[in-house]
Amino acid sequence: FIKVEGISARNLLGCAVAAAVSASFNAPIAGT
């Protein structure tokens, strides 16, 4: 939607994964 590529897109993917793990397990450090 925002048309990002490369490093920005991969970092955004990492953000989504970290937030999903943290919200699911109440584990912000491990999610990161």
PDB file of all heavy atoms in Angstrom:
ATOM      1  N   PHE A   1       0.825  -1.212   0.000  1.00  0.00           N
ATOM      2  CA  PHE A   1       0.000   0.000   0.000  1.00  0.00           C
ATOM      3  C   PHE A   1       0.860   1.264   0.000  1.00  0.00           C
ATOM      4  O   PHE A   1       0.581   2.222  -0.722  1.00  0.00           O
ATOM      5  CB  PHE A   1      -0.924  -0.008   1.219  1.00  0.00           C
ATOM      6  CG  PHE A   1      -1.857   1.170   1.281  1.00  0.00           C
ATOM      7  CD1 PHE A   1      -2.981   1.217   0.461  1.00  0.00           C
ATOM      8  CD2 PHE A   1      -1.612   2.222   2.147  1.00  0.00           C
ATOM      9  CE1 PHE A   1      -3.843   2.304   0.505  1.00  0.00           C
ATOM     10  CE2 PHE A   1      -2.463   3.310   2.207  1.00  0.00           C
ATOM     11  CZ  PHE A   1      -3.588   3.359   1.378  1.00  0.00           C
ATOM     12  N   ILE A   2       1.921   1.262   0.814  1.00  0.00           N
ATOM     13  CA  ILE A   2       2.761   2.455   0.891  1.00  0.00           C
ATOM     14  C   ILE A   2       3.974   2.353  -0.035  1.00  0.00           C
ATOM     15  O   ILE A   2       4.825   3.250  -0.064  1.00  0.00           O
ATOM     16  CB  ILE A   2       3.231   2.724   2.330  1.00  0.00           C
ATOM     17  CG1 ILE A   2       4.107   1.578   2.854  1.00  0.00           C
ATOM     18  CG2 ILE A   2       2.037   2.927   3.240  1.00  0.00           C
ATOM     19  CD1 ILE A   2       4.643   1.802   4.264  1.00  0.00           C
ATOM     20  N   LYS A   3       4.070   1.216  -0.756  1.00  0.00           N
ATOM     21  CA  LYS A   3       5.093   1.025  -1.797  1.00  0.00           C
ATOM     22  C   LYS A   3       6.516   1.130  -1.241  1.00  0.00           C
ATOM     23  O   LYS A   3       7.328   1.929  -1.703  1.00  0.00           O
ATOM     24  CB  LYS A   3       4.883   2.018  -2.937  1.00  0.00           C
ATOM     25  CG  LYS A   3       3.582   1.829  -3.693  1.00  0.00           C
ATOM     26  CD  LYS A   3       3.428   2.829  -4.807  1.00  0.00           C
ATOM     27  CE  LYS A   3       2.198   2.530  -5.668  1.00  0.00           C
ATOM     28  NZ  LYS A   3       0.950   2.500  -4.914  1.00  0.00           N
ATOM     29  N   VAL A   4       6.821   0.315  -0.235  1.00  0.00           N
ATOM     30  CA  VAL A   4       8.181   0.252   0.294  1.00  0.00           C
ATOM     31  C   VAL A   4       8.856  -1.016  -0.209  1.00  0.00           C
ATOM     32  O   VAL A   4       8.198  -2.032  -0.463  1.00  0.00           O
ATOM     33  CB  VAL A   4       8.199   0.292   1.833  1.00  0.00           C
ATOM     34  CG1 VAL A   4       7.655   1.605   2.336  1.00  0.00           C
ATOM     35  CG2 VAL A   4       7.434  -0.878   2.427  1.00  0.00           C
ATOM     36  N   GLU A   5      10.161  -0.956  -0.367  1.00  0.00           N
ATOM     37  CA  GLU A   5      10.932  -2.074  -0.872  1.00  0.00           C
ATOM     38  C   GLU A   5      12.147  -2.302   0.025  1.00  0.00           C
ATOM     39  O   GLU A   5      12.454  -1.510   0.920  1.00  0.00           O
ATOM     40  CB  GLU A   5      11.397  -1.803  -2.313  1.00  0.00           C
ATOM     41  CG  GLU A   5      10.300  -1.447  -3.295  1.00  0.00           C
ATOM     42  CD  GLU A   5       9.404  -2.631  -3.616  1.00  0.00           C
ATOM     43  OE1 GLU A   5       9.888  -3.777  -3.474  1.00  0.00           O
ATOM     44  OE2 GLU A   5       8.249  -2.421  -4.000  1.00  0.00           O
ATOM     45  N   GLY A   6      12.862  -3.377  -0.248  1.00  0.00           N
ATOM     46  CA  GLY A   6      14.157  -3.618   0.358  1.00  0.00           C
ATOM     47  C   GLY A   6      14.166  -3.630   1.869  1.00  0.00           C
ATOM     48  O   GLY A   6      13.357  -4.285   2.526  1.00  0.00           O
ATOM     49  N   ILE A   7      15.100  -2.852   2.439  1.00  0.00           N
ATOM     50  CA  ILE A   7      15.308  -2.837   3.889  1.00  0.00           C
ATOM     51  C   ILE A   7      14.041  -2.437   4.632  1.00  0.00           C
ATOM     52  O   ILE A   7      13.669  -3.050   5.636  1.00  0.00           O
ATOM     53  CB  ILE A   7      16.456  -1.886   4.257  1.00  0.00           C
ATOM     54  CG1 ILE A   7      17.775  -2.395   3.673  1.00  0.00           C
ATOM     55  CG2 ILE A   7      16.582  -1.742   5.760  1.00  0.00           C
ATOM     56  CD1 ILE A   7      18.945  -1.463   3.912  1.00  0.00           C
ATOM     57  N   SER A   8      13.359  -1.424   4.131  1.00  0.00           N
ATOM     58  CA  SER A   8      12.155  -0.935   4.816  1.00  0.00           C
ATOM     59  C   SER A   8      11.071  -2.003   4.867  1.00  0.00           C
ATOM     60  O   SER A   8      10.402  -2.177   5.889  1.00  0.00           O
ATOM     61  CB  SER A   8      11.634   0.323   4.119  1.00  0.00           C
ATOM     62  OG  SER A   8      12.576   1.367   4.183  1.00  0.00           O
ATOM     63  N   ALA A   9      10.892  -2.732   3.767  1.00  0.00           N
ATOM     64  CA  ALA A   9       9.866  -3.783   3.732  1.00  0.00           C
ATOM     65  C   ALA A   9      10.223  -4.920   4.679  1.00  0.00           C
ATOM     66  O   ALA A   9       9.354  -5.459   5.378  1.00  0.00           O
ATOM     67  CB  ALA A   9       9.717  -4.310   2.308  1.00  0.00           C
ATOM     68  N   ARG A  10      11.503  -5.272   4.729  1.00  0.00           N
ATOM     69  CA  ARG A  10      11.912  -6.359   5.632  1.00  0.00           C
ATOM     70  C   ARG A  10      11.792  -5.930   7.094  1.00  0.00           C
ATOM     71  O   ARG A  10      11.398  -6.726   7.951  1.00  0.00           O
ATOM     72  CB  ARG A  10      13.333  -6.809   5.299  1.00  0.00           C
ATOM     73  CG  ARG A  10      13.423  -7.639   4.025  1.00  0.00           C
ATOM     74  CD  ARG A  10      14.804  -8.199   3.798  1.00  0.00           C
ATOM     75  NE  ARG A  10      15.721  -7.178   3.310  1.00  0.00           N
ATOM     76  CZ  ARG A  10      15.861  -6.839   2.037  1.00  0.00           C
ATOM     77  NH1 ARG A  10      15.124  -7.439   1.107  1.00  0.00           N
ATOM     78  NH2 ARG A  10      16.740  -5.926   1.666  1.00  0.00           N
ATOM     79  N   ASN A  11      12.139  -4.691   7.386  1.00  0.00           N
ATOM     80  CA  ASN A  11      11.974  -4.202   8.751  1.00  0.00           C
ATOM     81  C   ASN A  11      10.506  -4.165   9.158  1.00  0.00           C
ATOM     82  O   ASN A  11      10.152  -4.473  10.301  1.00  0.00           O
ATOM     83  CB  ASN A  11      12.575  -2.805   8.890  1.00  0.00           C
ATOM     84  CG  ASN A  11      14.098  -2.826   8.907  1.00  0.00           C
ATOM     85  OD1 ASN A  11      14.708  -3.896   9.027  1.00  0.00           O
ATOM     86  ND2 ASN A  11      14.700  -1.668   8.769  1.00  0.00           N
ATOM     87  N   LEU A  12       9.646  -3.784   8.211  1.00  0.00           N
ATOM     88  CA  LEU A  12       8.216  -3.772   8.485  1.00  0.00           C
ATOM     89  C   LEU A  12       7.709  -5.183   8.767  1.00  0.00           C
ATOM     90  O   LEU A  12       6.874  -5.404   9.662  1.00  0.00           O
ATOM     91  CB  LEU A  12       7.463  -3.153   7.314  1.00  0.00           C
ATOM     92  CG  LEU A  12       5.979  -2.845   7.527  1.00  0.00           C
ATOM     93  CD1 LEU A  12       5.785  -1.857   8.669  1.00  0.00           C
ATOM     94  CD2 LEU A  12       5.374  -2.291   6.244  1.00  0.00           C
ATOM     95  N   LEU A  13       8.227  -6.160   8.025  1.00  0.00           N
ATOM     96  CA  LEU A  13       7.881  -7.555   8.284  1.00  0.00           C
ATOM     97  C   LEU A  13       8.325  -7.963   9.687  1.00  0.00           C
ATOM     98  O   LEU A  13       7.574  -8.619  10.422  1.00  0.00           O
ATOM     99  CB  LEU A  13       8.548  -8.449   7.237  1.00  0.00           C
ATOM    100  CG  LEU A  13       8.355  -9.964   7.396  1.00  0.00           C
ATOM    101  CD1 LEU A  13       6.899 -10.337   7.168  1.00  0.00           C
ATOM    102  CD2 LEU A  13       9.254 -10.723   6.428  1.00  0.00           C
ATOM    103  N   GLY A  14       9.540  -7.566  10.074  1.00  0.00           N
ATOM    104  CA  GLY A  14      10.018  -7.872  11.419  1.00  0.00           C
ATOM    105  C   GLY A  14       9.158  -7.235  12.492  1.00  0.00           C
ATOM    106  O   GLY A  14       8.904  -7.844  13.540  1.00  0.00           O
ATOM    107  N   CYS A  15       8.694  -6.005  12.233  1.00  0.00           N
ATOM    108  CA  CYS A  15       7.809  -5.331  13.196  1.00  0.00           C
ATOM    109  C   CYS A  15       6.520  -6.118  13.386  1.00  0.00           C
ATOM    110  O   CYS A  15       6.037  -6.288  14.522  1.00  0.00           O
ATOM    111  CB  CYS A  15       7.486  -3.920  12.708  1.00  0.00           C
ATOM    112  SG  CYS A  15       8.877  -2.767  12.771  1.00  0.00           S
ATOM    113  N   ALA A  16       5.941  -6.594  12.300  1.00  0.00           N
ATOM    114  CA  ALA A  16       4.692  -7.350  12.377  1.00  0.00           C
ATOM    115  C   ALA A  16       4.884  -8.648  13.151  1.00  0.00           C
ATOM    116  O   ALA A  16       4.049  -9.032  13.986  1.00  0.00           O
ATOM    117  CB  ALA A  16       4.171  -7.634  10.971  1.00  0.00           C
ATOM    118  N   VAL A  17       5.983  -9.345  12.889  1.00  0.00           N
ATOM    119  CA  VAL A  17       6.263 -10.603  13.581  1.00  0.00           C
ATOM    120  C   VAL A  17       6.454 -10.353  15.075  1.00  0.00           C
ATOM    121  O   VAL A  17       5.895 -11.071  15.923  1.00  0.00           O
ATOM    122  CB  VAL A  17       7.518 -11.269  12.984  1.00  0.00           C
ATOM    123  CG1 VAL A  17       7.973 -12.437  13.859  1.00  0.00           C
ATOM    124  CG2 VAL A  17       7.241 -11.750  11.570  1.00  0.00           C
ATOM    125  N   ALA A  18       7.241  -9.343  15.426  1.00  0.00           N
ATOM    126  CA  ALA A  18       7.494  -9.048  16.835  1.00  0.00           C
ATOM    127  C   ALA A  18       6.209  -8.692  17.569  1.00  0.00           C
ATOM    128  O   ALA A  18       5.958  -9.168  18.690  1.00  0.00           O
ATOM    129  CB  ALA A  18       8.501  -7.902  16.950  1.00  0.00           C
ATOM    130  N   ALA A  19       5.374  -7.856  16.949  1.00  0.00           N
ATOM    131  CA  ALA A  19       4.116  -7.462  17.587  1.00  0.00           C
ATOM    132  C   ALA A  19       3.195  -8.662  17.760  1.00  0.00           C
ATOM    133  O   ALA A  19       2.509  -8.795  18.790  1.00  0.00           O
ATOM    134  CB  ALA A  19       3.431  -6.382  16.748  1.00  0.00           C
ATOM    135  N   ALA A  20       3.155  -9.547  16.758  1.00  0.00           N
ATOM    136  CA  ALA A  20       2.288 -10.726  16.838  1.00  0.00           C
ATOM    137  C   ALA A  20       2.720 -11.657  17.962  1.00  0.00           C
ATOM    138  O   ALA A  20       1.896 -12.133  18.753  1.00  0.00           O
ATOM    139  CB  ALA A  20       2.299 -11.467  15.501  1.00  0.00           C
ATOM    140  N   VAL A  21       4.015 -11.923  18.065  1.00  0.00           N
ATOM    141  CA  VAL A  21       4.524 -12.805  19.118  1.00  0.00           C
ATOM    142  C   VAL A  21       4.310 -12.174  20.495  1.00  0.00           C
ATOM    143  O   VAL A  21       3.876 -12.834  21.445  1.00  0.00           O
ATOM    144  CB  VAL A  21       6.019 -13.106  18.887  1.00  0.00           C
ATOM    145  CG1 VAL A  21       6.602 -13.868  20.080  1.00  0.00           C
ATOM    146  CG2 VAL A  21       6.205 -13.913  17.614  1.00  0.00           C
ATOM    147  N   SER A  22       4.592 -10.891  20.604  1.00  0.00           N
ATOM    148  CA  SER A  22       4.468 -10.207  21.890  1.00  0.00           C
ATOM    149  C   SER A  22       3.028 -10.170  22.377  1.00  0.00           C
ATOM    150  O   SER A  22       2.752 -10.410  23.556  1.00  0.00           O
ATOM    151  CB  SER A  22       5.013  -8.779  21.769  1.00  0.00           C
ATOM    152  OG  SER A  22       6.367  -8.790  21.393  1.00  0.00           O
ATOM    153  N   ALA A  23       2.100  -9.862  21.462  1.00  0.00           N
ATOM    154  CA  ALA A  23       0.690  -9.812  21.845  1.00  0.00           C
ATOM    155  C   ALA A  23       0.168 -11.188  22.215  1.00  0.00           C
ATOM    156  O   ALA A  23      -0.653 -11.332  23.124  1.00  0.00           O
ATOM    157  CB  ALA A  23      -0.134  -9.216  20.704  1.00  0.00           C
ATOM    158  N   SER A  24       0.654 -12.206  21.520  1.00  0.00           N
ATOM    159  CA  SER A  24       0.163 -13.562  21.758  1.00  0.00           C
ATOM    160  C   SER A  24       0.678 -14.141  23.063  1.00  0.00           C
ATOM    161  O   SER A  24      -0.058 -14.825  23.776  1.00  0.00           O
ATOM    162  CB  SER A  24       0.572 -14.471  20.592  1.00  0.00           C
ATOM    163  OG  SER A  24       0.124 -15.793  20.794  1.00  0.00           O
ATOM    164  N   PHE A  25       1.933 -13.856  23.406  1.00  0.00           N
ATOM    165  CA  PHE A  25       2.564 -14.493  24.563  1.00  0.00           C
ATOM    166  C   PHE A  25       2.863 -13.527  25.712  1.00  0.00           C
ATOM    167  O   PHE A  25       3.451 -13.940  26.703  1.00  0.00           O
ATOM    168  CB  PHE A  25       3.872 -15.176  24.135  1.00  0.00           C
ATOM    169  CG  PHE A  25       3.670 -16.350  23.231  1.00  0.00           C
ATOM    170  CD1 PHE A  25       3.977 -16.259  21.884  1.00  0.00           C
ATOM    171  CD2 PHE A  25       3.172 -17.541  23.711  1.00  0.00           C
ATOM    172  CE1 PHE A  25       3.797 -17.340  21.043  1.00  0.00           C
ATOM    173  CE2 PHE A  25       2.986 -18.630  22.880  1.00  0.00           C
ATOM    174  CZ  PHE A  25       3.299 -18.528  21.534  1.00  0.00           C
ATOM    175  N   ASN A  26       2.503 -12.248  25.562  1.00  0.00           N
ATOM    176  CA  ASN A  26       2.819 -11.261  26.595  1.00  0.00           C
ATOM    177  C   ASN A  26       4.323 -11.261  26.882  1.00  0.00           C
ATOM    178  O   ASN A  26       4.766 -11.303  28.030  1.00  0.00           O
ATOM    179  CB  ASN A  26       2.028 -11.551  27.879  1.00  0.00           C
ATOM    180  CG  ASN A  26       2.147 -10.419  28.900  1.00  0.00           C
ATOM    181  OD1 ASN A  26       2.489  -9.291  28.560  1.00  0.00           O
ATOM    182  ND2 ASN A  26       1.872 -10.730  30.166  1.00  0.00           N
ATOM    183  N   ALA A  27       5.103 -11.219  25.793  1.00  0.00           N
ATOM    184  CA  ALA A  27       6.559 -11.362  25.918  1.00  0.00           C
ATOM    185  C   ALA A  27       7.253 -10.378  24.984  1.00  0.00           C
ATOM    186  O   ALA A  27       7.722 -10.759  23.910  1.00  0.00           O
ATOM    187  CB  ALA A  27       6.970 -12.797  25.593  1.00  0.00           C
ATOM    188  N   PRO A  28       7.341  -9.105  25.363  1.00  0.00           N
ATOM    189  CA  PRO A  28       7.887  -8.086  24.448  1.00  0.00           C
ATOM    190  C   PRO A  28       9.362  -8.264  24.133  1.00  0.00           C
ATOM    191  O   PRO A  28       9.791  -8.002  23.003  1.00  0.00           O
ATOM    192  CB  PRO A  28       7.629  -6.776  25.196  1.00  0.00           C
ATOM    193  CG  PRO A  28       7.510  -7.166  26.639  1.00  0.00           C
ATOM    194  CD  PRO A  28       6.877  -8.517  26.637  1.00  0.00           C
ATOM    195  N   ILE A  29      10.153  -8.682  25.116  1.00  0.00           N
ATOM    196  CA  ILE A  29      11.587  -8.857  24.866  1.00  0.00           C
ATOM    197  C   ILE A  29      11.811 -10.017  23.904  1.00  0.00           C
ATOM    198  O   ILE A  29      12.527  -9.894  22.904  1.00  0.00           O
ATOM    199  CB  ILE A  29      12.340  -9.088  26.182  1.00  0.00           C
ATOM    200  CG1 ILE A  29      12.124  -7.920  27.142  1.00  0.00           C
ATOM    201  CG2 ILE A  29      13.824  -9.293  25.916  1.00  0.00           C
ATOM    202  CD1 ILE A  29      12.724  -8.131  28.514  1.00  0.00           C
ATOM    203  N   ALA A  30      11.176 -11.145  24.187  1.00  0.00           N
ATOM    204  CA  ALA A  30      11.328 -12.314  23.325  1.00  0.00           C
ATOM    205  C   ALA A  30      10.756 -12.059  21.941  1.00  0.00           C
ATOM    206  O   ALA A  30      11.294 -12.538  20.934  1.00  0.00           O
ATOM    207  CB  ALA A  30      10.648 -13.524  23.965  1.00  0.00           C
ATOM    208  N   GLY A  31       9.645 -11.319  21.856  1.00  0.00           N
ATOM    209  CA  GLY A  31       9.073 -11.005  20.544  1.00  0.00           C
ATOM    210  C   GLY A  31      10.045 -10.233  19.680  1.00  0.00           C
ATOM    211  O   GLY A  31      10.192 -10.500  18.478  1.00  0.00           O
ATOM    212  N   THR A  32      10.737  -9.280  20.278  1.00  0.00           N
ATOM    213  CA  THR A  32      11.739  -8.500  19.546  1.00  0.00           C
ATOM    214  C   THR A  32      12.871  -9.381  19.049  1.00  0.00           C
ATOM    215  O   THR A  32      13.252  -9.348  17.862  1.00  0.00           O
ATOM    216  CB  THR A  32      12.309  -7.393  20.454  1.00  0.00           C
ATOM    217  OG1 THR A  32      11.250  -6.542  20.891  1.00  0.00           O
ATOM    218  CG2 THR A  32      13.353  -6.576  19.723  1.00  0.00           C
TER     219      THR A  32
END
